Amino acid sequence: MKKHLTIKNLGWLLTTLISIMLLMSGTSKIIASPEVVANFTSMSLLPYMALIGVMEVIGVGLLVYPKTSLYGAILISMVMSGAVAIHLSLMGGVGVMAPILFSVVAWSGHCLRTHFNK
């Protein structure tokens, strides 16, 4: 009998979930969705919106490819660390758990796929 829920498959599931979420977030920043533009304008970060979106999309691409998964997890963590800092400093800590969870899930997916693949 073949096991379908292995540690490696759980890592791929987490990677898929975080990739979908970050791809949606990154592309909405790149195409300048009105909601995102309003949020970035209120934080005075509008000039950096496309750069942050591109970094998210590149991070997802690196995370999905197994040989560069470590670099993708690092890049996603860097972007999410900036989001935590912005949430804490400009928004009074509201919504700070989402970027923290995104980083944790990205690292969990990477570690489960690469270090526990037996």
PDB file of N, CA and C in Angstrom:
ATOM      1  N   MET A   1       0.835  -1.177   0.000  1.00  0.00           N
ATOM      2  CA  MET A   1       0.000   0.000   0.000  1.00  0.00           C
ATOM      3  C   MET A   1       0.882   1.244   0.000  1.00  0.00           C
ATOM      4  N   LYS A   2       0.579   2.164  -0.867  1.00  0.00           N
ATOM      5  CA  LYS A   2       1.385   3.371  -1.002  1.00  0.00           C
ATOM      6  C   LYS A   2       0.845   4.471  -0.086  1.00  0.00           C
ATOM      7  N   LYS A   3       1.765   5.110   0.618  1.00  0.00           N
ATOM      8  CA  LYS A   3       1.384   6.215   1.489  1.00  0.00           C
ATOM      9  C   LYS A   3       1.330   7.505   0.675  1.00  0.00           C
ATOM     10  N   HIS A   4       0.222   8.204   0.763  1.00  0.00           N
ATOM     11  CA  HIS A   4       0.080   9.446   0.011  1.00  0.00           C
ATOM     12  C   HIS A   4       0.416  10.670   0.851  1.00  0.00           C
ATOM     13  N   LEU A   5       0.150  10.591   2.155  1.00  0.00           N
ATOM     14  CA  LEU A   5       0.444  11.731   3.013  1.00  0.00           C
ATOM     15  C   LEU A   5       1.797  11.501   3.684  1.00  0.00           C
ATOM     16  N   THR A   6       2.844  11.833   2.969  1.00  0.00           N
ATOM     17  CA  THR A   6       4.188  11.738   3.522  1.00  0.00           C
ATOM     18  C   THR A   6       4.644  13.126   3.954  1.00  0.00           C
ATOM     19  N   ILE A   7       5.766  13.172   4.633  1.00  0.00           N
ATOM     20  CA  ILE A   7       6.311  14.449   5.074  1.00  0.00           C
ATOM     21  C   ILE A   7       6.640  15.331   3.867  1.00  0.00           C
ATOM     22  N   LYS A   8       7.205  14.725   2.840  1.00  0.00           N
ATOM     23  CA  LYS A   8       7.557  15.489   1.645  1.00  0.00           C
ATOM     24  C   LYS A   8       6.300  16.036   0.958  1.00  0.00           C
ATOM     25  N   ASN A   9       5.251  15.237   0.872  1.00  0.00           N
ATOM     26  CA  ASN A   9       4.006  15.707   0.270  1.00  0.00           C
ATOM     27  C   ASN A   9       3.365  16.812   1.099  1.00  0.00           C
ATOM     28  N   LEU A  10       3.480  16.735   2.415  1.00  0.00           N
ATOM     29  CA  LEU A  10       2.983  17.804   3.273  1.00  0.00           C
ATOM     30  C   LEU A  10       3.753  19.090   3.002  1.00  0.00           C
ATOM     31  N   GLY A  11       5.055  18.976   2.788  1.00  0.00           N
ATOM     32  CA  GLY A  11       5.863  20.129   2.430  1.00  0.00           C
ATOM     33  C   GLY A  11       5.426  20.744   1.108  1.00  0.00           C
ATOM     34  N   TRP A  12       5.110  19.898   0.132  1.00  0.00           N
ATOM     35  CA  TRP A  12       4.624  20.403  -1.158  1.00  0.00           C
ATOM     36  C   TRP A  12       3.259  21.060  -1.013  1.00  0.00           C
ATOM     37  N   LEU A  13       2.412  20.507  -0.135  1.00  0.00           N
ATOM     38  CA  LEU A  13       1.091  21.110   0.093  1.00  0.00           C
ATOM     39  C   LEU A  13       1.235  22.509   0.697  1.00  0.00           C
ATOM     40  N   LEU A  14       2.100  22.641   1.696  1.00  0.00           N
ATOM     41  CA  LEU A  14       2.327  23.951   2.305  1.00  0.00           C
ATOM     42  C   LEU A  14       2.928  24.928   1.294  1.00  0.00           C
ATOM     43  N   THR A  15       3.865  24.442   0.493  1.00  0.00           N
ATOM     44  CA  THR A  15       4.481  25.294  -0.526  1.00  0.00           C
ATOM     45  C   THR A  15       3.442  25.753  -1.546  1.00  0.00           C
ATOM     46  N   THR A  16       2.559  24.868  -1.936  1.00  0.00           N
ATOM     47  CA  THR A  16       1.513  25.226  -2.898  1.00  0.00           C
ATOM     48  C   THR A  16       0.578  26.281  -2.319  1.00  0.00           C
ATOM     49  N   LEU A  17       0.156  26.093  -1.080  1.00  0.00           N
ATOM     50  CA  LEU A  17      -0.754  27.055  -0.454  1.00  0.00           C
ATOM     51  C   LEU A  17      -0.122  28.440  -0.343  1.00  0.00           C
ATOM     52  N   ILE A  18       1.108  28.504   0.145  1.00  0.00           N
ATOM     53  CA  ILE A  18       1.752  29.807   0.319  1.00  0.00           C
ATOM     54  C   ILE A  18       2.064  30.420  -1.044  1.00  0.00           C
ATOM     55  N   SER A  19       2.373  29.590  -2.026  1.00  0.00           N
ATOM     56  CA  SER A  19       2.672  30.105  -3.364  1.00  0.00           C
ATOM     57  C   SER A  19       1.443  30.753  -3.989  1.00  0.00           C
ATOM     58  N   ILE A  20       0.295  30.121  -3.853  1.00  0.00           N
ATOM     59  CA  ILE A  20      -0.934  30.689  -4.410  1.00  0.00           C
ATOM     60  C   ILE A  20      -1.240  32.022  -3.746  1.00  0.00           C
ATOM     61  N   MET A  21      -1.130  32.075  -2.438  1.00  0.00           N
ATOM     62  CA  MET A  21      -1.451  33.305  -1.717  1.00  0.00           C
ATOM     63  C   MET A  21      -0.484  34.438  -2.077  1.00  0.00           C
ATOM     64  N   LEU A  22       0.801  34.128  -2.131  1.00  0.00           N
ATOM     65  CA  LEU A  22       1.778  35.168  -2.432  1.00  0.00           C
ATOM     66  C   LEU A  22       1.766  35.572  -3.905  1.00  0.00           C
ATOM     67  N   LEU A  23       1.429  34.652  -4.793  1.00  0.00           N
ATOM     68  CA  LEU A  23       1.291  35.022  -6.202  1.00  0.00           C
ATOM     69  C   LEU A  23       0.123  35.984  -6.401  1.00  0.00           C
ATOM     70  N   MET A  24      -0.986  35.728  -5.716  1.00  0.00           N
ATOM     71  CA  MET A  24      -2.115  36.655  -5.807  1.00  0.00           C
ATOM     72  C   MET A  24      -1.748  38.013  -5.237  1.00  0.00           C
ATOM     73  N   SER A  25      -1.063  38.005  -4.114  1.00  0.00           N
ATOM     74  CA  SER A  25      -0.653  39.261  -3.489  1.00  0.00           C
ATOM     75  C   SER A  25       0.341  40.016  -4.361  1.00  0.00           C
ATOM     76  N   GLY A  26       1.333  39.307  -4.877  1.00  0.00           N
ATOM     77  CA  GLY A  26       2.356  39.943  -5.708  1.00  0.00           C
ATOM     78  C   GLY A  26       1.803  40.497  -7.007  1.00  0.00           C
ATOM     79  N   THR A  27       0.934  39.730  -7.654  1.00  0.00           N
ATOM     80  CA  THR A  27       0.381  40.216  -8.916  1.00  0.00           C
ATOM     81  C   THR A  27      -0.569  41.390  -8.709  1.00  0.00           C
ATOM     82  N   SER A  28      -1.279  41.414  -7.595  1.00  0.00           N
ATOM     83  CA  SER A  28      -2.147  42.572  -7.342  1.00  0.00           C
ATOM     84  C   SER A  28      -1.319  43.832  -7.099  1.00  0.00           C
ATOM     85  N   LYS A  29      -0.124  43.678  -6.574  1.00  0.00           N
ATOM     86  CA  LYS A  29       0.773  44.827  -6.410  1.00  0.00           C
ATOM     87  C   LYS A  29       1.367  45.249  -7.752  1.00  0.00           C
ATOM     88  N   ILE A  30       1.717  44.295  -8.582  1.00  0.00           N
ATOM     89  CA  ILE A  30       2.327  44.597  -9.874  1.00  0.00           C
ATOM     90  C   ILE A  30       1.331  45.277 -10.812  1.00  0.00           C
ATOM     91  N   ILE A  31       0.094  44.770 -10.836  1.00  0.00           N
ATOM     92  CA  ILE A  31      -0.900  45.358 -11.741  1.00  0.00           C
ATOM     93  C   ILE A  31      -1.604  46.559 -11.126  1.00  0.00           C
ATOM     94  N   ALA A  32      -1.239  46.922  -9.922  1.00  0.00           N
ATOM     95  CA  ALA A  32      -1.765  48.105  -9.226  1.00  0.00           C
ATOM     96  C   ALA A  32      -3.272  48.048  -9.040  1.00  0.00           C
ATOM     97  N   SER A  33      -3.704  47.041  -8.320  1.00  0.00           N
ATOM     98  CA  SER A  33      -5.118  46.917  -7.961  1.00  0.00           C
ATOM     99  C   SER A  33      -5.535  48.138  -7.128  1.00  0.00           C
ATOM    100  N   PRO A  34      -6.743  48.659  -7.327  1.00  0.00           N
ATOM    101  CA  PRO A  34      -7.154  49.876  -6.609  1.00  0.00           C
ATOM    102  C   PRO A  34      -7.088  49.768  -5.087  1.00  0.00           C
ATOM    103  N   GLU A  35      -7.441  48.603  -4.553  1.00  0.00           N
ATOM    104  CA  GLU A  35      -7.373  48.419  -3.097  1.00  0.00           C
ATOM    105  C   GLU A  35      -5.934  48.497  -2.598  1.00  0.00           C
ATOM    106  N   VAL A  36      -5.041  47.859  -3.332  1.00  0.00           N
ATOM    107  CA  VAL A  36      -3.634  47.845  -2.937  1.00  0.00           C
ATOM    108  C   VAL A  36      -3.035  49.243  -3.075  1.00  0.00           C
ATOM    109  N   VAL A  37      -3.393  49.943  -4.140  1.00  0.00           N
ATOM    110  CA  VAL A  37      -2.908  51.315  -4.335  1.00  0.00           C
ATOM    111  C   VAL A  37      -3.368  52.198  -3.184  1.00  0.00           C
ATOM    112  N   ALA A  38      -4.612  52.040  -2.753  1.00  0.00           N
ATOM    113  CA  ALA A  38      -5.122  52.836  -1.628  1.00  0.00           C
ATOM    114  C   ALA A  38      -4.354  52.524  -0.345  1.00  0.00           C
ATOM    115  N   ASN A  39      -4.078  51.245  -0.110  1.00  0.00           N
ATOM    116  CA  ASN A  39      -3.328  50.869   1.098  1.00  0.00           C
ATOM    117  C   ASN A  39      -1.905  51.422   1.070  1.00  0.00           C
ATOM    118  N   PHE A  40      -1.232  51.272  -0.063  1.00  0.00           N
ATOM    119  CA  PHE A  40       0.144  51.739  -0.149  1.00  0.00           C
ATOM    120  C   PHE A  40       0.222  53.266  -0.129  1.00  0.00           C
ATOM    121  N   THR A  41      -0.799  53.942  -0.662  1.00  0.00           N
ATOM    122  CA  THR A  41      -0.839  55.395  -0.627  1.00  0.00           C
ATOM    123  C   THR A  41      -1.003  55.887   0.808  1.00  0.00           C
ATOM    124  N   SER A  42      -1.857  55.212   1.568  1.00  0.00           N
ATOM    125  CA  SER A  42      -2.065  55.624   2.961  1.00  0.00           C
ATOM    126  C   SER A  42      -0.817  55.420   3.811  1.00  0.00           C
ATOM    127  N   MET A  43       0.042  54.491   3.408  1.00  0.00           N
ATOM    128  CA  MET A  43       1.283  54.243   4.151  1.00  0.00           C
ATOM    129  C   MET A  43       2.462  54.997   3.552  1.00  0.00           C
ATOM    130  N   SER A  44       2.237  55.779   2.502  1.00  0.00           N
ATOM    131  CA  SER A  44       3.283  56.522   1.786  1.00  0.00           C
ATOM    132  C   SER A  44       4.353  55.603   1.205  1.00  0.00           C
ATOM    133  N   LEU A  45       3.941  54.448   0.726  1.00  0.00           N
ATOM    134  CA  LEU A  45       4.864  53.466   0.144  1.00  0.00           C
ATOM    135  C   LEU A  45       4.555  53.162  -1.317  1.00  0.00           C
ATOM    136  N   LEU A  46       3.789  54.016  -1.964  1.00  0.00           N
ATOM    137  CA  LEU A  46       3.369  53.761  -3.342  1.00  0.00           C
ATOM    138  C   LEU A  46       4.537  53.562  -4.316  1.00  0.00           C
ATOM    139  N   PRO A  47       5.660  54.302  -4.191  1.00  0.00           N
ATOM    140  CA  PRO A  47       6.756  54.066  -5.143  1.00  0.00           C
ATOM    141  C   PRO A  47       7.376  52.669  -5.047  1.00  0.00           C
ATOM    142  N   TYR A  48       7.182  51.984  -3.937  1.00  0.00           N
ATOM    143  CA  TYR A  48       7.807  50.683  -3.716  1.00  0.00           C
ATOM    144  C   TYR A  48       6.850  49.515  -3.960  1.00  0.00           C
ATOM    145  N   MET A  49       5.617  49.798  -4.318  1.00  0.00           N
ATOM    146  CA  MET A  49       4.594  48.765  -4.447  1.00  0.00           C
ATOM    147  C   MET A  49       4.973  47.726  -5.506  1.00  0.00           C
ATOM    148  N   ALA A  50       5.359  48.143  -6.696  1.00  0.00           N
ATOM    149  CA  ALA A  50       5.709  47.197  -7.760  1.00  0.00           C
ATOM    150  C   ALA A  50       6.952  46.387  -7.394  1.00  0.00           C
ATOM    151  N   LEU A  51       7.920  47.027  -6.757  1.00  0.00           N
ATOM    152  CA  LEU A  51       9.131  46.315  -6.338  1.00  0.00           C
ATOM    153  C   LEU A  51       8.798  45.210  -5.337  1.00  0.00           C
ATOM    154  N   ILE A  52       7.948  45.518  -4.387  1.00  0.00           N
ATOM    155  CA  ILE A  52       7.555  44.508  -3.398  1.00  0.00           C
ATOM    156  C   ILE A  52       6.807  43.364  -4.080  1.00  0.00           C
ATOM    157  N   GLY A  53       5.931  43.686  -5.027  1.00  0.00           N
ATOM    158  CA  GLY A  53       5.212  42.655  -5.766  1.00  0.00           C
ATOM    159  C   GLY A  53       6.143  41.761  -6.563  1.00  0.00           C
ATOM    160  N   VAL A  54       7.121  42.363  -7.224  1.00  0.00           N
ATOM    161  CA  VAL A  54       8.091  41.578  -8.000  1.00  0.00           C
ATOM    162  C   VAL A  54       8.921  40.683  -7.070  1.00  0.00           C
ATOM    163  N   MET A  55       9.301  41.215  -5.927  1.00  0.00           N
ATOM    164  CA  MET A  55      10.063  40.401  -4.974  1.00  0.00           C
ATOM    165  C   MET A  55       9.238  39.218  -4.469  1.00  0.00           C
ATOM    166  N   GLU A  56       7.948  39.417  -4.247  1.00  0.00           N
ATOM    167  CA  GLU A  56       7.086  38.310  -3.818  1.00  0.00           C
ATOM    168  C   GLU A  56       6.994  37.241  -4.902  1.00  0.00           C
ATOM    169  N   VAL A  57       6.797  37.650  -6.135  1.00  0.00           N
ATOM    170  CA  VAL A  57       6.662  36.690  -7.238  1.00  0.00           C
ATOM    171  C   VAL A  57       7.980  35.942  -7.462  1.00  0.00           C
ATOM    172  N   ILE A  58       9.096  36.644  -7.413  1.00  0.00           N
ATOM    173  CA  ILE A  58      10.405  35.980  -7.562  1.00  0.00           C
ATOM    174  C   ILE A  58      10.639  35.011  -6.407  1.00  0.00           C
ATOM    175  N   GLY A  59      10.273  35.416  -5.196  1.00  0.00           N
ATOM    176  CA  GLY A  59      10.415  34.532  -4.038  1.00  0.00           C
ATOM    177  C   GLY A  59       9.616  33.251  -4.194  1.00  0.00           C
ATOM    178  N   VAL A  60       8.414  33.368  -4.723  1.00  0.00           N
ATOM    179  CA  VAL A  60       7.592  32.177  -4.961  1.00  0.00           C
ATOM    180  C   VAL A  60       8.243  31.289  -6.015  1.00  0.00           C
ATOM    181  N   GLY A  61       8.730  31.898  -7.083  1.00  0.00           N
ATOM    182  CA  GLY A  61       9.401  31.110  -8.116  1.00  0.00           C
ATOM    183  C   GLY A  61      10.612  30.365  -7.584  1.00  0.00           C
ATOM    184  N   LEU A  62      11.383  31.037  -6.760  1.00  0.00           N
ATOM    185  CA  LEU A  62      12.548  30.380  -6.165  1.00  0.00           C
ATOM    186  C   LEU A  62      12.141  29.309  -5.162  1.00  0.00           C
ATOM    187  N   LEU A  63      11.077  29.549  -4.424  1.00  0.00           N
ATOM    188  CA  LEU A  63      10.624  28.582  -3.418  1.00  0.00           C
ATOM    189  C   LEU A  63      10.111  27.299  -4.061  1.00  0.00           C
ATOM    190  N   VAL A  64       9.444  27.415  -5.183  1.00  0.00           N
ATOM    191  CA  VAL A  64       8.857  26.250  -5.823  1.00  0.00           C
ATOM    192  C   VAL A  64       9.920  25.352  -6.460  1.00  0.00           C
ATOM    193  N   TYR A  65      10.959  25.941  -7.024  1.00  0.00           N
ATOM    194  CA  TYR A  65      12.020  25.159  -7.664  1.00  0.00           C
ATOM    195  C   TYR A  65      12.910  24.563  -6.575  1.00  0.00           C
ATOM    196  N   PRO A  66      13.024  23.228  -6.489  1.00  0.00           N
ATOM    197  CA  PRO A  66      13.712  22.594  -5.364  1.00  0.00           C
ATOM    198  C   PRO A  66      15.164  23.029  -5.136  1.00  0.00           C
ATOM    199  N   LYS A  67      15.918  23.287  -6.198  1.00  0.00           N
ATOM    200  CA  LYS A  67      17.326  23.643  -6.007  1.00  0.00           C
ATOM    201  C   LYS A  67      17.517  25.047  -5.449  1.00  0.00           C
ATOM    202  N   THR A  68      16.525  25.914  -5.629  1.00  0.00           N
ATOM    203  CA  THR A  68      16.631  27.286  -5.128  1.00  0.00           C
ATOM    204  C   THR A  68      15.622  27.571  -4.025  1.00  0.00           C
ATOM    205  N   SER A  69      15.072  26.527  -3.450  1.00  0.00           N
ATOM    206  CA  SER A  69      14.030  26.680  -2.442  1.00  0.00           C
ATOM    207  C   SER A  69      14.509  27.467  -1.219  1.00  0.00           C
ATOM    208  N   LEU A  70      15.751  27.270  -0.836  1.00  0.00           N
ATOM    209  CA  LEU A  70      16.301  28.002   0.309  1.00  0.00           C
ATOM    210  C   LEU A  70      16.305  29.503   0.044  1.00  0.00           C
ATOM    211  N   TYR A  71      16.707  29.899  -1.157  1.00  0.00           N
ATOM    212  CA  TYR A  71      16.755  31.324  -1.483  1.00  0.00           C
ATOM    213  C   TYR A  71      15.358  31.925  -1.557  1.00  0.00           C
ATOM    214  N   GLY A  72      14.405  31.142  -2.023  1.00  0.00           N
ATOM    215  CA  GLY A  72      13.025  31.606  -2.048  1.00  0.00           C
ATOM    216  C   GLY A  72      12.478  31.823  -0.647  1.00  0.00           C
ATOM    217  N   ALA A  73      12.780  30.892   0.263  1.00  0.00           N
ATOM    218  CA  ALA A  73      12.321  31.047   1.643  1.00  0.00           C
ATOM    219  C   ALA A  73      12.970  32.269   2.288  1.00  0.00           C
ATOM    220  N   ILE A  74      14.230  32.514   1.975  1.00  0.00           N
ATOM    221  CA  ILE A  74      14.915  33.690   2.522  1.00  0.00           C
ATOM    222  C   ILE A  74      14.292  34.972   1.970  1.00  0.00           C
ATOM    223  N   LEU A  75      14.055  35.023   0.669  1.00  0.00           N
ATOM    224  CA  LEU A  75      13.480  36.225   0.064  1.00  0.00           C
ATOM    225  C   LEU A  75      12.067  36.489   0.582  1.00  0.00           C
ATOM    226  N   ILE A  76      11.264  35.449   0.697  1.00  0.00           N
ATOM    227  CA  ILE A  76       9.916  35.619   1.245  1.00  0.00           C
ATOM    228  C   ILE A  76       9.979  36.097   2.682  1.00  0.00           C
ATOM    229  N   SER A  77      10.914  35.567   3.454  1.00  0.00           N
ATOM    230  CA  SER A  77      11.063  36.012   4.842  1.00  0.00           C
ATOM    231  C   SER A  77      11.482  37.474   4.918  1.00  0.00           C
ATOM    232  N   MET A  78      12.336  37.900   4.004  1.00  0.00           N
ATOM    233  CA  MET A  78      12.753  39.304   3.997  1.00  0.00           C
ATOM    234  C   MET A  78      11.579  40.226   3.696  1.00  0.00           C
ATOM    235  N   VAL A  79      10.781  39.868   2.699  1.00  0.00           N
ATOM    236  CA  VAL A  79       9.627  40.694   2.343  1.00  0.00           C
ATOM    237  C   VAL A  79       8.619  40.703   3.491  1.00  0.00           C
ATOM    238  N   MET A  80       8.382  39.552   4.084  1.00  0.00           N
ATOM    239  CA  MET A  80       7.416  39.476   5.185  1.00  0.00           C
ATOM    240  C   MET A  80       7.931  40.169   6.446  1.00  0.00           C
ATOM    241  N   SER A  81       9.233  40.201   6.651  1.00  0.00           N
ATOM    242  CA  SER A  81       9.792  40.944   7.784  1.00  0.00           C
ATOM    243  C   SER A  81       9.544  42.440   7.616  1.00  0.00           C
ATOM    244  N   GLY A  82       9.679  42.915   6.391  1.00  0.00           N
ATOM    245  CA  GLY A  82       9.339  44.311   6.113  1.00  0.00           C
ATOM    246  C   GLY A  82       7.871  44.582   6.355  1.00  0.00           C
ATOM    247  N   ALA A  83       7.020  43.628   5.986  1.00  0.00           N
ATOM    248  CA  ALA A  83       5.581  43.794   6.215  1.00  0.00           C
ATOM    249  C   ALA A  83       5.271  43.832   7.710  1.00  0.00           C
ATOM    250  N   VAL A  84       5.962  43.009   8.490  1.00  0.00           N
ATOM    251  CA  VAL A  84       5.770  43.034   9.944  1.00  0.00           C
ATOM    252  C   VAL A  84       6.189  44.383  10.505  1.00  0.00           C
ATOM    253  N   ALA A  85       7.318  44.897  10.041  1.00  0.00           N
ATOM    254  CA  ALA A  85       7.787  46.201  10.532  1.00  0.00           C
ATOM    255  C   ALA A  85       6.798  47.310  10.188  1.00  0.00           C
ATOM    256  N   ILE A  86       6.265  47.288   8.977  1.00  0.00           N
ATOM    257  CA  ILE A  86       5.279  48.295   8.567  1.00  0.00           C
ATOM    258  C   ILE A  86       4.004  48.164   9.394  1.00  0.00           C
ATOM    259  N   HIS A  87       3.550  46.941   9.601  1.00  0.00           N
ATOM    260  CA  HIS A  87       2.333  46.730  10.390  1.00  0.00           C
ATOM    261  C   HIS A  87       2.520  47.208  11.828  1.00  0.00           C
ATOM    262  N   LEU A  88       3.690  46.984  12.370  1.00  0.00           N
ATOM    263  CA  LEU A  88       3.930  47.417  13.747  1.00  0.00           C
ATOM    264  C   LEU A  88       4.100  48.928  13.860  1.00  0.00           C
ATOM    265  N   SER A  89       4.805  49.530  12.913  1.00  0.00           N
ATOM    266  CA  SER A  89       5.109  50.952  13.055  1.00  0.00           C
ATOM    267  C   SER A  89       3.992  51.871  12.557  1.00  0.00           C
ATOM    268  N   LEU A  90       3.375  51.541  11.442  1.00  0.00           N
ATOM    269  CA  LEU A  90       2.375  52.433  10.867  1.00  0.00           C
ATOM    270  C   LEU A  90       0.938  52.052  11.190  1.00  0.00           C
ATOM    271  N   MET A  91       0.697  50.788  11.463  1.00  0.00           N
ATOM    272  CA  MET A  91      -0.678  50.340  11.650  1.00  0.00           C
ATOM    273  C   MET A  91      -0.971  49.925  13.085  1.00  0.00           C
ATOM    274  N   GLY A  92      -0.047  50.132  13.974  1.00  0.00           N
ATOM    275  CA  GLY A  92      -0.270  49.815  15.381  1.00  0.00           C
ATOM    276  C   GLY A  92      -0.344  48.334  15.692  1.00  0.00           C
ATOM    277  N   GLY A  93       0.209  47.501  14.846  1.00  0.00           N
ATOM    278  CA  GLY A  93       0.227  46.059  15.105  1.00  0.00           C
ATOM    279  C   GLY A  93      -0.971  45.309  14.551  1.00  0.00           C
ATOM    280  N   VAL A  94      -1.871  46.011  13.883  1.00  0.00           N
ATOM    281  CA  VAL A  94      -3.046  45.355  13.309  1.00  0.00           C
ATOM    282  C   VAL A  94      -2.621  44.511  12.106  1.00  0.00           C
ATOM    283  N   GLY A  95      -2.999  43.248  12.088  1.00  0.00           N
ATOM    284  CA  GLY A  95      -2.716  42.378  10.958  1.00  0.00           C
ATOM    285  C   GLY A  95      -1.288  41.888  10.892  1.00  0.00           C
ATOM    286  N   VAL A  96      -0.585  41.892  12.002  1.00  0.00           N
ATOM    287  CA  VAL A  96       0.824  41.499  11.987  1.00  0.00           C
ATOM    288  C   VAL A  96       1.003  39.975  11.909  1.00  0.00           C
ATOM    289  N   MET A  97      -0.031  39.217  12.251  1.00  0.00           N
ATOM    290  CA  MET A  97       0.114  37.763  12.268  1.00  0.00           C
ATOM    291  C   MET A  97       0.163  37.159  10.860  1.00  0.00           C
ATOM    292  N   ALA A  98      -0.482  37.776   9.887  1.00  0.00           N
ATOM    293  CA  ALA A  98      -0.497  37.214   8.527  1.00  0.00           C
ATOM    294  C   ALA A  98       0.905  37.109   7.937  1.00  0.00           C
ATOM    295  N   PRO A  99       1.716  38.186   7.929  1.00  0.00           N
ATOM    296  CA  PRO A  99       3.055  38.014   7.361  1.00  0.00           C
ATOM    297  C   PRO A  99       3.942  37.070   8.167  1.00  0.00           C
ATOM    298  N   ILE A 100       3.720  37.011   9.464  1.00  0.00           N
ATOM    299  CA  ILE A 100       4.490  36.061  10.281  1.00  0.00           C
ATOM    300  C   ILE A 100       4.133  34.634   9.880  1.00  0.00           C
ATOM    301  N   LEU A 101       2.841  34.371   9.723  1.00  0.00           N
ATOM    302  CA  LEU A 101       2.418  33.031   9.321  1.00  0.00           C
ATOM    303  C   LEU A 101       2.887  32.687   7.914  1.00  0.00           C
ATOM    304  N   PHE A 102       2.893  33.655   7.002  1.00  0.00           N
ATOM    305  CA  PHE A 102       3.399  33.406   5.657  1.00  0.00           C
ATOM    306  C   PHE A 102       4.855  32.961   5.695  1.00  0.00           C
ATOM    307  N   SER A 103       5.657  33.626   6.514  1.00  0.00           N
ATOM    308  CA  SER A 103       7.071  33.241   6.635  1.00  0.00           C
ATOM    309  C   SER A 103       7.221  31.852   7.228  1.00  0.00           C
ATOM    310  N   VAL A 104       6.459  31.571   8.256  1.00  0.00           N
ATOM    311  CA  VAL A 104       6.541  30.262   8.906  1.00  0.00           C
ATOM    312  C   VAL A 104       6.126  29.153   7.943  1.00  0.00           C
ATOM    313  N   VAL A 105       5.067  29.369   7.190  1.00  0.00           N
ATOM    314  CA  VAL A 105       4.610  28.350   6.240  1.00  0.00           C
ATOM    315  C   VAL A 105       5.610  28.174   5.106  1.00  0.00           C
ATOM    316  N   ALA A 106       6.209  29.262   4.642  1.00  0.00           N
ATOM    317  CA  ALA A 106       7.224  29.148   3.578  1.00  0.00           C
ATOM    318  C   ALA A 106       8.420  28.339   4.067  1.00  0.00           C
ATOM    319  N   TRP A 107       8.902  28.634   5.261  1.00  0.00           N
ATOM    320  CA  TRP A 107      10.032  27.884   5.801  1.00  0.00           C
ATOM    321  C   TRP A 107       9.648  26.440   6.107  1.00  0.00           C
ATOM    322  N   SER A 108       8.443  26.212   6.606  1.00  0.00           N
ATOM    323  CA  SER A 108       8.007  24.840   6.892  1.00  0.00           C
ATOM    324  C   SER A 108       7.936  24.020   5.614  1.00  0.00           C
ATOM    325  N   GLY A 109       7.372  24.606   4.563  1.00  0.00           N
ATOM    326  CA  GLY A 109       7.309  23.902   3.282  1.00  0.00           C
ATOM    327  C   GLY A 109       8.685  23.572   2.748  1.00  0.00           C
ATOM    328  N   HIS A 110       9.594  24.541   2.828  1.00  0.00           N
ATOM    329  CA  HIS A 110      10.969  24.301   2.363  1.00  0.00           C
ATOM    330  C   HIS A 110      11.631  23.186   3.161  1.00  0.00           C
ATOM    331  N   CYS A 111      11.555  23.258   4.470  1.00  0.00           N
ATOM    332  CA  CYS A 111      12.227  22.264   5.310  1.00  0.00           C
ATOM    333  C   CYS A 111      11.637  20.877   5.157  1.00  0.00           C
ATOM    334  N   LEU A 112      10.314  20.784   5.097  1.00  0.00           N
ATOM    335  CA  LEU A 112       9.697  19.472   4.943  1.00  0.00           C
ATOM    336  C   LEU A 112      10.016  18.842   3.593  1.00  0.00           C
ATOM    337  N   ARG A 113      10.141  19.655   2.551  1.00  0.00           N
ATOM    338  CA  ARG A 113      10.443  19.116   1.227  1.00  0.00           C
ATOM    339  C   ARG A 113      11.899  18.714   1.072  1.00  0.00           C
ATOM    340  N   THR A 114      12.807  19.488   1.662  1.00  0.00           N
ATOM    341  CA  THR A 114      14.223  19.259   1.387  1.00  0.00           C
ATOM    342  C   THR A 114      14.932  18.445   2.452  1.00  0.00           C
ATOM    343  N   HIS A 115      14.563  18.592   3.696  1.00  0.00           N
ATOM    344  CA  HIS A 115      15.321  17.928   4.765  1.00  0.00           C
ATOM    345  C   HIS A 115      14.700  16.621   5.232  1.00  0.00           C
ATOM    346  N   PHE A 116      13.434  16.413   4.941  1.00  0.00           N
ATOM    347  CA  PHE A 116      12.770  15.190   5.386  1.00  0.00           C
ATOM    348  C   PHE A 116      12.190  14.430   4.200  1.00  0.00           C
ATOM    349  N   ASN A 117      12.990  14.209   3.179  1.00  0.00           N
ATOM    350  CA  ASN A 117      12.471  13.601   1.957  1.00  0.00           C
ATOM    351  C   ASN A 117      12.753  12.101   1.876  1.00  0.00           C
ATOM    352  N   LYS A 118      12.736  11.428   2.968  1.00  0.00           N
ATOM    353  CA  LYS A 118      12.988   9.979   2.957  1.00  0.00           C
ATOM    354  C   LYS A 118      11.712   9.205   2.713  1.00  0.00           C
TER     355      LYS A 118
END
